[in-house]
Amino acid sequence: MPFDHNLKTRWYQEKDDLLKLRTEWWTVVHAKKQLTLNFKQLRQTSSDALSELEPLLKKAEVFGHQAREKLRK
C-alpha cells in the first residue's frame, strides 16, 4: 500500500488548526480574566471615590445652609 502524502499533509494541517484554536481560546480566556479583574478594580475605585466624596457633599450642604442663614439675616 503506497503512502498517502495527502493524508499526512491533511493531518499536519488539522494539527496546526487545532493549535491555533487552542491559542485563540487561551487568549480569549486570558482576556476575560483581565476584563473581570479590571471591572472589579473599577468598581472598588468608584466605591472608594464615592466614600471620599460623601463627607465633602455633607460639608457643602452644611455650608450652603449656613450661607442661606447669613443671607436671610
C-alpha atoms as a PDB file:
ATOM      1  CA  MET A   1       0.000   0.000   0.000  1.00  0.00           C
ATOM      2  CA  PRO A   2       1.577   3.316  -1.075  1.00  0.00           C
ATOM      3  CA  PHE A   3       1.977   6.118   1.416  1.00  0.00           C
ATOM      4  CA  ASP A   4      -0.691   8.790   1.112  1.00  0.00           C
ATOM      5  CA  HIS A   5       1.066  12.170   1.263  1.00  0.00           C
ATOM      6  CA  ASN A   6      -2.267  13.998   1.105  1.00  0.00           C
ATOM      7  CA  LEU A   7      -3.365  12.258   4.295  1.00  0.00           C
ATOM      8  CA  LYS A   8      -0.131  13.257   6.054  1.00  0.00           C
ATOM      9  CA  THR A   9      -0.456  16.836   4.833  1.00  0.00           C
ATOM     10  CA  ARG A  10      -4.095  16.982   5.955  1.00  0.00           C
ATOM     11  CA  TRP A  11      -3.169  15.555   9.365  1.00  0.00           C
ATOM     12  CA  TYR A  12      -0.489  18.222   9.870  1.00  0.00           C
ATOM     13  CA  GLN A  13      -2.911  20.924   8.719  1.00  0.00           C
ATOM     14  CA  GLU A  14      -5.580  19.758  11.183  1.00  0.00           C
ATOM     15  CA  LYS A  15      -2.995  19.602  13.976  1.00  0.00           C
ATOM     16  CA  ASP A  16      -1.873  23.139  13.132  1.00  0.00           C
ATOM     17  CA  ASP A  17      -5.511  24.326  13.071  1.00  0.00           C
ATOM     18  CA  LEU A  18      -6.096  22.768  16.495  1.00  0.00           C
ATOM     19  CA  LEU A  19      -3.023  24.506  17.918  1.00  0.00           C
ATOM     20  CA  LYS A  20      -4.222  27.824  16.520  1.00  0.00           C
ATOM     21  CA  LEU A  21      -7.676  27.299  18.022  1.00  0.00           C
ATOM     22  CA  ARG A  22      -6.175  26.393  21.381  1.00  0.00           C
ATOM     23  CA  THR A  23      -4.016  29.534  21.307  1.00  0.00           C
ATOM     24  CA  GLU A  24      -7.021  31.679  20.399  1.00  0.00           C
ATOM     25  CA  TRP A  25      -9.080  30.030  23.155  1.00  0.00           C
ATOM     26  CA  TRP A  26      -6.420  30.775  25.778  1.00  0.00           C
ATOM     27  CA  THR A  27      -6.217  34.346  24.509  1.00  0.00           C
ATOM     28  CA  VAL A  28      -9.970  34.727  25.000  1.00  0.00           C
ATOM     29  CA  VAL A  29      -9.811  33.131  28.474  1.00  0.00           C
ATOM     30  CA  HIS A  30      -6.976  35.454  29.499  1.00  0.00           C
ATOM     31  CA  ALA A  31      -8.822  38.500  28.128  1.00  0.00           C
ATOM     32  CA  LYS A  32     -11.979  37.524  30.052  1.00  0.00           C
ATOM     33  CA  LYS A  33      -9.983  37.165  33.283  1.00  0.00           C
ATOM     34  CA  GLN A  34      -8.322  40.531  32.702  1.00  0.00           C
ATOM     35  CA  LEU A  35     -11.658  42.231  31.999  1.00  0.00           C
ATOM     36  CA  THR A  36     -13.165  40.712  35.132  1.00  0.00           C
ATOM     37  CA  LEU A  37     -10.217  41.933  37.189  1.00  0.00           C
ATOM     38  CA  ASN A  38     -10.400  45.392  35.624  1.00  0.00           C
ATOM     39  CA  PHE A  39     -14.137  45.571  36.347  1.00  0.00           C
ATOM     40  CA  LYS A  40     -13.612  44.577  39.988  1.00  0.00           C
ATOM     41  CA  GLN A  41     -10.864  47.196  40.368  1.00  0.00           C
ATOM     42  CA  LEU A  42     -13.026  49.845  38.707  1.00  0.00           C
ATOM     43  CA  ARG A  43     -15.957  49.015  40.974  1.00  0.00           C
ATOM     44  CA  GLN A  44     -13.688  49.245  44.050  1.00  0.00           C
ATOM     45  CA  THR A  45     -12.183  52.521  42.843  1.00  0.00           C
ATOM     46  CA  SER A  46     -15.598  54.057  42.239  1.00  0.00           C
ATOM     47  CA  SER A  47     -16.756  52.843  45.661  1.00  0.00           C
ATOM     48  CA  ASP A  48     -13.670  54.396  47.284  1.00  0.00           C
ATOM     49  CA  ALA A  49     -14.210  57.659  45.404  1.00  0.00           C
ATOM     50  CA  LEU A  50     -17.852  57.767  46.464  1.00  0.00           C
ATOM     51  CA  SER A  51     -16.945  57.180  50.103  1.00  0.00           C
ATOM     52  CA  GLU A  52     -14.459  60.079  49.898  1.00  0.00           C
ATOM     53  CA  LEU A  53     -16.996  62.307  48.154  1.00  0.00           C
ATOM     54  CA  GLU A  54     -19.871  61.780  50.605  1.00  0.00           C
ATOM     55  CA  PRO A  55     -18.274  63.736  53.518  1.00  0.00           C
ATOM     56  CA  LEU A  56     -17.420  66.576  51.141  1.00  0.00           C
ATOM     57  CA  LEU A  57     -21.011  66.700  49.933  1.00  0.00           C
ATOM     58  CA  LYS A  58     -22.253  66.824  53.527  1.00  0.00           C
ATOM     59  CA  LYS A  59     -19.850  69.677  54.295  1.00  0.00           C
ATOM     60  CA  ALA A  60     -21.037  71.520  51.192  1.00  0.00           C
ATOM     61  CA  GLU A  61     -24.650  71.031  52.263  1.00  0.00           C
ATOM     62  CA  VAL A  62     -23.910  72.418  55.755  1.00  0.00           C
ATOM     63  CA  PHE A  63     -22.019  75.341  54.222  1.00  0.00           C
ATOM     64  CA  GLY A  64     -24.975  76.016  51.907  1.00  0.00           C
ATOM     65  CA  HIS A  65     -27.390  76.059  54.847  1.00  0.00           C
ATOM     66  CA  GLN A  66     -25.110  78.422  56.795  1.00  0.00           C
ATOM     67  CA  ALA A  67     -24.795  80.714  53.774  1.00  0.00           C
ATOM     68  CA  ARG A  68     -28.582  80.851  53.356  1.00  0.00           C
ATOM     69  CA  GLU A  69     -28.995  81.660  57.048  1.00  0.00           C
ATOM     70  CA  LYS A  70     -26.480  84.517  56.787  1.00  0.00           C
ATOM     71  CA  LEU A  71     -28.227  85.881  53.693  1.00  0.00           C
ATOM     72  CA  ARG A  72     -31.593  85.865  55.474  1.00  0.00           C
ATOM     73  CA  LYS A  73     -30.221  87.985  58.352  1.00  0.00           C
END
